[in-house]
Amino acid sequence: MSSSYVRTEIKTFLSANSTENVVDLTGQYLQLNEMLTAEGLTRNDPWLGIQFIGSTETPQSLVSTNNQGRYREIGSLFFHVVARVSNTLRDDILARAETLRNSIRGRRINDIVIEGVTPPNFEQGATLDLEGGYSSASVIVNYYRDLNL
């Protein structure tokens, strides 16, 4: 999981720069309808599920200890663009995913640097496997953040 700092900054960025209903999927064990209700959403509301996939934090300076030096956190964010099945589902999800990609591509969010974003992927195994008439596409966002102690 990404650091607490990265999680907070990304959610704040999305809140200020997106119209998406953001659902943090970290530690979610509720049934889908229960989760949506807890988030204040209905079955028909489109939403964006976020997974924070941390990778490593490595020293970037010669003299790095647990209380001094420079460390680099590397990770990925999975944006799952979710909507109810409809005749226009693919185009609707694709438009939302492209809007998200355009809003975050090449950004520097305080000291978080967005290195790259993938095109939306609708394929099974690449995104959420939802029941109950939902579909989704995923966009993967790669980032790094340097921490100076």
N, C-alpha and C. Protein backbone atom coordinates (compact mmCIF):
# COMPACT_ATOMS: atom_id res chain seq x y z
N MET A 1 0.84 -1.16 0.00
CA MET A 1 0.00 0.00 0.00
C MET A 1 0.89 1.23 0.00
N SER A 2 0.46 2.27 -0.67
CA SER A 2 1.19 3.52 -0.70
C SER A 2 1.22 4.16 0.68
N SER A 3 2.16 5.08 0.87
CA SER A 3 2.27 5.76 2.16
C SER A 3 1.01 6.59 2.42
N SER A 4 0.82 6.88 3.68
CA SER A 4 -0.32 7.68 4.10
C SER A 4 -0.32 9.04 3.40
N TYR A 5 0.87 9.62 3.26
CA TYR A 5 1.00 10.92 2.59
C TYR A 5 0.49 10.84 1.14
N VAL A 6 0.96 9.85 0.39
CA VAL A 6 0.55 9.71 -1.01
C VAL A 6 -0.96 9.50 -1.11
N ARG A 7 -1.50 8.66 -0.25
CA ARG A 7 -2.94 8.38 -0.26
C ARG A 7 -3.74 9.66 -0.06
N THR A 8 -3.34 10.44 0.94
CA THR A 8 -4.06 11.69 1.24
C THR A 8 -3.95 12.68 0.09
N GLU A 9 -2.75 12.86 -0.45
CA GLU A 9 -2.54 13.84 -1.52
C GLU A 9 -3.31 13.46 -2.79
N ILE A 10 -3.32 12.19 -3.14
CA ILE A 10 -4.03 11.76 -4.35
C ILE A 10 -5.53 11.94 -4.18
N LYS A 11 -6.07 11.57 -3.04
CA LYS A 11 -7.51 11.74 -2.81
C LYS A 11 -7.89 13.21 -2.79
N THR A 12 -7.04 14.06 -2.21
CA THR A 12 -7.29 15.51 -2.21
C THR A 12 -7.26 16.05 -3.63
N PHE A 13 -6.29 15.60 -4.44
CA PHE A 13 -6.19 16.03 -5.83
C PHE A 13 -7.45 15.65 -6.61
N LEU A 14 -7.88 14.41 -6.46
CA LEU A 14 -9.08 13.95 -7.18
C LEU A 14 -10.32 14.71 -6.74
N SER A 15 -10.41 14.99 -5.46
CA SER A 15 -11.55 15.74 -4.95
C SER A 15 -11.62 17.13 -5.57
N ALA A 16 -10.47 17.76 -5.76
CA ALA A 16 -10.41 19.12 -6.30
C ALA A 16 -10.45 19.18 -7.82
N ASN A 17 -10.04 18.10 -8.50
CA ASN A 17 -9.86 18.15 -9.95
C ASN A 17 -10.68 17.14 -10.73
N SER A 18 -11.68 16.55 -10.10
CA SER A 18 -12.46 15.51 -10.77
C SER A 18 -13.89 15.57 -10.26
N THR A 19 -14.79 15.09 -11.08
CA THR A 19 -16.20 15.00 -10.66
C THR A 19 -16.56 13.58 -10.26
N GLU A 20 -15.56 12.71 -10.17
CA GLU A 20 -15.80 11.30 -9.86
C GLU A 20 -16.19 11.11 -8.39
N ASN A 21 -17.05 10.12 -8.16
CA ASN A 21 -17.36 9.64 -6.81
C ASN A 21 -16.26 8.65 -6.44
N VAL A 22 -15.32 9.08 -5.61
CA VAL A 22 -14.13 8.28 -5.32
C VAL A 22 -14.39 7.34 -4.15
N VAL A 23 -14.07 6.05 -4.36
CA VAL A 23 -14.20 5.03 -3.33
C VAL A 23 -12.82 4.40 -3.13
N ASP A 24 -12.27 4.56 -1.92
CA ASP A 24 -11.00 3.94 -1.59
C ASP A 24 -11.27 2.46 -1.31
N LEU A 25 -10.69 1.59 -2.11
CA LEU A 25 -10.95 0.16 -2.00
C LEU A 25 -10.05 -0.54 -0.98
N THR A 26 -9.20 0.21 -0.30
CA THR A 26 -8.30 -0.37 0.69
C THR A 26 -9.09 -1.01 1.83
N GLY A 27 -8.86 -2.27 2.06
CA GLY A 27 -9.48 -2.97 3.18
C GLY A 27 -11.00 -3.07 3.09
N GLN A 28 -11.54 -2.99 1.89
CA GLN A 28 -12.99 -3.10 1.72
C GLN A 28 -13.39 -4.58 1.70
N TYR A 29 -14.22 -4.96 2.66
CA TYR A 29 -14.69 -6.34 2.72
C TYR A 29 -16.20 -6.41 2.72
N LEU A 30 -16.85 -5.27 2.52
CA LEU A 30 -18.31 -5.25 2.47
C LEU A 30 -18.80 -5.78 1.13
N GLN A 31 -20.04 -6.22 1.09
CA GLN A 31 -20.67 -6.53 -0.18
C GLN A 31 -20.77 -5.22 -0.97
N LEU A 32 -20.79 -5.31 -2.29
CA LEU A 32 -20.76 -4.13 -3.14
C LEU A 32 -21.86 -3.13 -2.78
N ASN A 33 -23.10 -3.59 -2.66
CA ASN A 33 -24.19 -2.66 -2.35
C ASN A 33 -24.01 -2.02 -0.98
N GLU A 34 -23.50 -2.77 0.00
CA GLU A 34 -23.24 -2.22 1.33
C GLU A 34 -22.14 -1.16 1.26
N MET A 35 -21.10 -1.42 0.47
CA MET A 35 -20.00 -0.48 0.32
C MET A 35 -20.49 0.82 -0.31
N LEU A 36 -21.30 0.71 -1.37
CA LEU A 36 -21.81 1.90 -2.03
C LEU A 36 -22.71 2.71 -1.10
N THR A 37 -23.54 2.03 -0.34
CA THR A 37 -24.40 2.72 0.63
C THR A 37 -23.55 3.45 1.67
N ALA A 38 -22.52 2.79 2.16
CA ALA A 38 -21.62 3.41 3.15
C ALA A 38 -20.93 4.64 2.58
N GLU A 39 -20.71 4.65 1.26
CA GLU A 39 -20.07 5.79 0.59
C GLU A 39 -21.09 6.85 0.16
N GLY A 40 -22.37 6.60 0.43
CA GLY A 40 -23.41 7.56 0.06
C GLY A 40 -23.80 7.50 -1.40
N LEU A 41 -23.56 6.36 -2.04
CA LEU A 41 -23.86 6.18 -3.45
C LEU A 41 -25.01 5.20 -3.63
N THR A 42 -25.71 5.33 -4.76
CA THR A 42 -26.75 4.38 -5.09
C THR A 42 -26.22 3.41 -6.13
N ARG A 43 -26.99 2.37 -6.44
CA ARG A 43 -26.58 1.37 -7.44
C ARG A 43 -26.36 1.99 -8.82
N ASN A 44 -27.03 3.09 -9.11
CA ASN A 44 -26.94 3.69 -10.45
C ASN A 44 -25.87 4.77 -10.57
N ASP A 45 -25.23 5.14 -9.47
CA ASP A 45 -24.19 6.17 -9.53
C ASP A 45 -22.90 5.60 -10.10
N PRO A 46 -22.29 6.28 -11.07
CA PRO A 46 -20.96 5.86 -11.50
C PRO A 46 -19.96 6.20 -10.40
N TRP A 47 -18.88 5.43 -10.30
CA TRP A 47 -17.89 5.70 -9.27
C TRP A 47 -16.51 5.28 -9.72
N LEU A 48 -15.52 5.78 -8.99
CA LEU A 48 -14.12 5.48 -9.26
C LEU A 48 -13.54 4.78 -8.05
N GLY A 49 -13.15 3.53 -8.23
CA GLY A 49 -12.48 2.79 -7.16
C GLY A 49 -10.98 3.00 -7.27
N ILE A 50 -10.33 3.26 -6.15
CA ILE A 50 -8.88 3.48 -6.16
C ILE A 50 -8.20 2.42 -5.30
N GLN A 51 -7.14 1.84 -5.86
CA GLN A 51 -6.26 0.95 -5.11
C GLN A 51 -4.88 1.60 -5.09
N PHE A 52 -4.27 1.63 -3.92
CA PHE A 52 -2.94 2.20 -3.75
C PHE A 52 -1.95 1.05 -3.63
N ILE A 53 -1.14 0.85 -4.66
CA ILE A 53 -0.21 -0.27 -4.71
C ILE A 53 1.21 0.26 -4.52
N GLY A 54 1.70 0.21 -3.29
CA GLY A 54 3.06 0.66 -3.04
C GLY A 54 4.05 -0.38 -3.54
N SER A 55 5.25 0.05 -3.80
CA SER A 55 6.28 -0.88 -4.24
C SER A 55 7.43 -0.86 -3.25
N THR A 56 8.41 -0.01 -3.48
CA THR A 56 9.57 0.04 -2.60
C THR A 56 9.85 1.46 -2.15
N GLU A 57 10.62 1.57 -1.09
CA GLU A 57 11.18 2.84 -0.66
C GLU A 57 12.66 2.60 -0.52
N THR A 58 13.44 3.25 -1.36
CA THR A 58 14.88 2.99 -1.39
C THR A 58 15.67 4.25 -1.09
N PRO A 59 16.85 4.09 -0.47
CA PRO A 59 17.68 5.26 -0.19
C PRO A 59 18.18 5.89 -1.49
N GLN A 60 18.22 7.21 -1.50
CA GLN A 60 18.71 7.95 -2.67
C GLN A 60 19.97 8.74 -2.34
N SER A 61 20.37 8.74 -1.09
CA SER A 61 21.59 9.45 -0.70
C SER A 61 22.54 8.46 -0.02
N LEU A 62 23.83 8.81 -0.02
CA LEU A 62 24.83 7.91 0.54
C LEU A 62 24.66 7.70 2.03
N VAL A 63 24.30 8.73 2.73
CA VAL A 63 24.15 8.63 4.18
C VAL A 63 22.66 8.63 4.51
N SER A 64 22.03 7.49 4.31
CA SER A 64 20.61 7.35 4.61
C SER A 64 20.43 6.37 5.76
N THR A 65 19.78 6.84 6.79
CA THR A 65 19.44 5.99 7.93
C THR A 65 17.94 6.15 8.17
N ASN A 66 17.46 5.62 9.26
CA ASN A 66 16.02 5.73 9.51
C ASN A 66 15.62 7.13 9.97
N ASN A 67 16.59 8.02 10.17
CA ASN A 67 16.21 9.39 10.56
C ASN A 67 16.95 10.48 9.81
N GLN A 68 17.67 10.12 8.77
CA GLN A 68 18.32 11.13 7.92
C GLN A 68 18.51 10.59 6.51
N GLY A 69 18.62 11.50 5.57
CA GLY A 69 18.87 11.12 4.19
C GLY A 69 17.65 11.34 3.31
N ARG A 70 17.75 10.78 2.11
CA ARG A 70 16.68 10.93 1.12
C ARG A 70 16.25 9.54 0.68
N TYR A 71 14.93 9.32 0.66
CA TYR A 71 14.36 8.05 0.25
C TYR A 71 13.36 8.29 -0.87
N ARG A 72 13.24 7.33 -1.77
CA ARG A 72 12.28 7.42 -2.87
C ARG A 72 11.25 6.30 -2.74
N GLU A 73 9.98 6.72 -2.63
CA GLU A 73 8.86 5.77 -2.64
C GLU A 73 8.39 5.63 -4.08
N ILE A 74 8.24 4.39 -4.52
CA ILE A 74 7.77 4.10 -5.87
C ILE A 74 6.47 3.31 -5.73
N GLY A 75 5.51 3.59 -6.57
CA GLY A 75 4.26 2.84 -6.48
C GLY A 75 3.36 3.07 -7.68
N SER A 76 2.20 2.46 -7.62
CA SER A 76 1.19 2.58 -8.66
C SER A 76 -0.17 2.81 -8.03
N LEU A 77 -1.01 3.50 -8.75
CA LEU A 77 -2.40 3.71 -8.37
C LEU A 77 -3.25 3.03 -9.41
N PHE A 78 -4.20 2.25 -9.00
CA PHE A 78 -5.14 1.64 -9.94
C PHE A 78 -6.44 2.42 -9.83
N PHE A 79 -6.84 3.05 -10.92
CA PHE A 79 -8.11 3.75 -11.00
C PHE A 79 -9.08 2.83 -11.73
N HIS A 80 -10.11 2.36 -11.04
CA HIS A 80 -11.13 1.51 -11.64
C HIS A 80 -12.36 2.37 -11.90
N VAL A 81 -12.63 2.66 -13.16
CA VAL A 81 -13.76 3.50 -13.56
C VAL A 81 -14.97 2.57 -13.72
N VAL A 82 -15.97 2.72 -12.84
CA VAL A 82 -17.07 1.77 -12.73
C VAL A 82 -18.40 2.44 -13.08
N ALA A 83 -19.25 1.67 -13.78
CA ALA A 83 -20.61 2.14 -14.09
C ALA A 83 -21.53 0.93 -14.28
N ARG A 84 -22.82 1.20 -14.18
CA ARG A 84 -23.82 0.16 -14.44
C ARG A 84 -23.83 -0.14 -15.94
N VAL A 85 -24.15 -1.37 -16.26
CA VAL A 85 -24.22 -1.79 -17.65
C VAL A 85 -25.34 -1.04 -18.37
N SER A 86 -25.02 -0.54 -19.56
CA SER A 86 -26.00 0.15 -20.40
C SER A 86 -25.55 0.05 -21.85
N ASN A 87 -26.37 0.55 -22.75
CA ASN A 87 -26.02 0.52 -24.18
C ASN A 87 -24.82 1.40 -24.49
N THR A 88 -24.59 2.42 -23.68
CA THR A 88 -23.49 3.35 -23.94
C THR A 88 -22.32 3.17 -22.97
N LEU A 89 -22.33 2.05 -22.24
CA LEU A 89 -21.36 1.81 -21.18
C LEU A 89 -19.92 2.01 -21.62
N ARG A 90 -19.51 1.34 -22.67
CA ARG A 90 -18.11 1.40 -23.10
C ARG A 90 -17.68 2.82 -23.38
N ASP A 91 -18.50 3.56 -24.12
CA ASP A 91 -18.15 4.94 -24.45
C ASP A 91 -18.15 5.83 -23.21
N ASP A 92 -19.10 5.62 -22.30
CA ASP A 92 -19.18 6.41 -21.07
C ASP A 92 -17.95 6.19 -20.21
N ILE A 93 -17.60 4.93 -19.99
CA ILE A 93 -16.43 4.62 -19.16
C ILE A 93 -15.15 5.12 -19.83
N LEU A 94 -15.04 4.93 -21.13
CA LEU A 94 -13.87 5.38 -21.85
C LEU A 94 -13.69 6.90 -21.73
N ALA A 95 -14.77 7.65 -21.87
CA ALA A 95 -14.71 9.12 -21.76
C ALA A 95 -14.26 9.53 -20.35
N ARG A 96 -14.81 8.89 -19.33
CA ARG A 96 -14.41 9.21 -17.95
C ARG A 96 -12.95 8.85 -17.70
N ALA A 97 -12.53 7.69 -18.21
CA ALA A 97 -11.14 7.26 -18.02
C ALA A 97 -10.17 8.22 -18.71
N GLU A 98 -10.51 8.67 -19.90
CA GLU A 98 -9.64 9.61 -20.62
C GLU A 98 -9.57 10.95 -19.89
N THR A 99 -10.68 11.39 -19.33
CA THR A 99 -10.68 12.63 -18.55
C THR A 99 -9.75 12.50 -17.35
N LEU A 100 -9.82 11.36 -16.65
CA LEU A 100 -8.91 11.12 -15.52
C LEU A 100 -7.46 11.10 -15.97
N ARG A 101 -7.17 10.39 -17.04
CA ARG A 101 -5.80 10.32 -17.55
C ARG A 101 -5.26 11.70 -17.88
N ASN A 102 -6.10 12.50 -18.55
CA ASN A 102 -5.67 13.85 -18.94
C ASN A 102 -5.44 14.75 -17.73
N SER A 103 -6.20 14.52 -16.66
CA SER A 103 -6.06 15.38 -15.48
C SER A 103 -4.81 15.07 -14.67
N ILE A 104 -4.29 13.85 -14.77
CA ILE A 104 -3.17 13.46 -13.90
C ILE A 104 -1.87 13.23 -14.66
N ARG A 105 -1.93 13.05 -15.96
CA ARG A 105 -0.74 12.76 -16.76
C ARG A 105 0.31 13.87 -16.61
N GLY A 106 1.54 13.48 -16.29
CA GLY A 106 2.65 14.42 -16.22
C GLY A 106 2.59 15.40 -15.05
N ARG A 107 1.69 15.19 -14.13
CA ARG A 107 1.50 16.11 -13.00
C ARG A 107 2.58 15.92 -11.95
N ARG A 108 2.76 16.99 -11.22
CA ARG A 108 3.51 16.97 -9.97
C ARG A 108 2.51 17.41 -8.92
N ILE A 109 2.13 16.50 -8.05
CA ILE A 109 1.15 16.78 -7.00
C ILE A 109 1.95 16.94 -5.72
N ASN A 110 2.24 18.21 -5.38
CA ASN A 110 3.19 18.54 -4.33
C ASN A 110 4.49 17.83 -4.64
N ASP A 111 4.94 16.87 -3.84
CA ASP A 111 6.20 16.21 -4.17
C ASP A 111 6.02 14.80 -4.74
N ILE A 112 4.82 14.52 -5.24
CA ILE A 112 4.54 13.25 -5.92
C ILE A 112 4.65 13.52 -7.42
N VAL A 113 5.49 12.75 -8.09
CA VAL A 113 5.69 12.92 -9.53
C VAL A 113 5.00 11.77 -10.25
N ILE A 114 4.08 12.12 -11.15
CA ILE A 114 3.39 11.10 -11.96
C ILE A 114 4.28 10.79 -13.16
N GLU A 115 4.76 9.57 -13.20
CA GLU A 115 5.68 9.17 -14.26
C GLU A 115 4.98 8.68 -15.52
N GLY A 116 3.82 8.08 -15.37
CA GLY A 116 3.13 7.56 -16.54
C GLY A 116 1.75 7.07 -16.20
N VAL A 117 0.90 7.01 -17.22
CA VAL A 117 -0.44 6.47 -17.08
C VAL A 117 -0.70 5.53 -18.25
N THR A 118 -1.46 4.47 -18.00
CA THR A 118 -1.78 3.53 -19.06
C THR A 118 -3.12 3.91 -19.70
N PRO A 119 -3.35 3.48 -20.92
CA PRO A 119 -4.70 3.60 -21.49
C PRO A 119 -5.66 2.73 -20.70
N PRO A 120 -6.95 3.02 -20.76
CA PRO A 120 -7.93 2.20 -20.04
C PRO A 120 -7.93 0.76 -20.54
N ASN A 121 -8.09 -0.16 -19.61
CA ASN A 121 -8.12 -1.58 -19.95
C ASN A 121 -9.43 -2.17 -19.42
N PHE A 122 -10.24 -2.71 -20.32
CA PHE A 122 -11.53 -3.30 -19.97
C PHE A 122 -11.43 -4.81 -19.75
N GLU A 123 -10.29 -5.40 -20.03
CA GLU A 123 -10.17 -6.85 -20.08
C GLU A 123 -10.29 -7.52 -18.72
N GLN A 124 -10.84 -8.72 -18.73
CA GLN A 124 -10.97 -9.51 -17.51
C GLN A 124 -9.58 -9.78 -16.94
N GLY A 125 -9.46 -9.64 -15.63
CA GLY A 125 -8.18 -9.81 -14.98
C GLY A 125 -7.39 -8.53 -14.87
N ALA A 126 -7.77 -7.50 -15.62
CA ALA A 126 -7.06 -6.23 -15.56
C ALA A 126 -7.83 -5.20 -14.75
N THR A 127 -9.06 -5.51 -14.42
CA THR A 127 -9.87 -4.57 -13.66
C THR A 127 -10.74 -5.33 -12.67
N LEU A 128 -11.61 -4.63 -11.99
CA LEU A 128 -12.46 -5.27 -10.99
C LEU A 128 -13.40 -6.27 -11.65
N ASP A 129 -13.67 -7.35 -10.96
CA ASP A 129 -14.63 -8.35 -11.42
C ASP A 129 -15.89 -8.17 -10.58
N LEU A 130 -16.84 -7.44 -11.14
CA LEU A 130 -18.04 -7.05 -10.40
C LEU A 130 -19.25 -7.84 -10.85
N GLU A 131 -20.13 -8.11 -9.90
CA GLU A 131 -21.40 -8.75 -10.20
C GLU A 131 -22.50 -7.72 -10.10
N GLY A 132 -23.68 -8.07 -10.54
CA GLY A 132 -24.82 -7.19 -10.34
C GLY A 132 -25.00 -6.13 -11.39
N GLY A 133 -24.48 -6.36 -12.59
CA GLY A 133 -24.73 -5.43 -13.68
C GLY A 133 -23.78 -4.25 -13.74
N TYR A 134 -22.54 -4.41 -13.25
CA TYR A 134 -21.54 -3.36 -13.33
C TYR A 134 -20.43 -3.78 -14.28
N SER A 135 -19.75 -2.80 -14.81
CA SER A 135 -18.55 -3.05 -15.59
C SER A 135 -17.55 -1.96 -15.26
N SER A 136 -16.30 -2.18 -15.62
CA SER A 136 -15.27 -1.19 -15.31
C SER A 136 -14.10 -1.31 -16.26
N ALA A 137 -13.30 -0.26 -16.25
CA ALA A 137 -12.01 -0.24 -16.95
C ALA A 137 -11.00 0.32 -15.97
N SER A 138 -9.77 -0.11 -16.11
CA SER A 138 -8.72 0.34 -15.19
C SER A 138 -7.67 1.16 -15.91
N VAL A 139 -7.20 2.17 -15.20
CA VAL A 139 -6.07 2.99 -15.62
C VAL A 139 -5.03 2.86 -14.52
N ILE A 140 -3.79 2.56 -14.89
CA ILE A 140 -2.73 2.43 -13.90
C ILE A 140 -1.86 3.69 -13.99
N VAL A 141 -1.63 4.28 -12.83
CA VAL A 141 -0.83 5.50 -12.71
C VAL A 141 0.43 5.16 -11.93
N ASN A 142 1.59 5.38 -12.52
CA ASN A 142 2.86 5.12 -11.85
C ASN A 142 3.42 6.43 -11.30
N TYR A 143 3.93 6.37 -10.07
CA TYR A 143 4.42 7.58 -9.42
C TYR A 143 5.69 7.30 -8.64
N TYR A 144 6.38 8.39 -8.26
CA TYR A 144 7.41 8.31 -7.24
C TYR A 144 7.33 9.56 -6.38
N ARG A 145 7.84 9.44 -5.17
CA ARG A 145 7.88 10.56 -4.25
C ARG A 145 9.19 10.49 -3.47
N ASP A 146 9.91 11.59 -3.45
CA ASP A 146 11.16 11.66 -2.68
C ASP A 146 10.87 12.25 -1.30
N LEU A 147 11.39 11.58 -0.29
CA LEU A 147 11.20 11.99 1.11
C LEU A 147 12.57 12.36 1.68
N ASN A 148 12.68 13.59 2.13
CA ASN A 148 13.92 14.06 2.77
C ASN A 148 13.72 14.03 4.27
N LEU A 149 14.53 13.25 4.96
CA LEU A 149 14.44 13.17 6.41
C LEU A 149 15.38 14.17 7.08
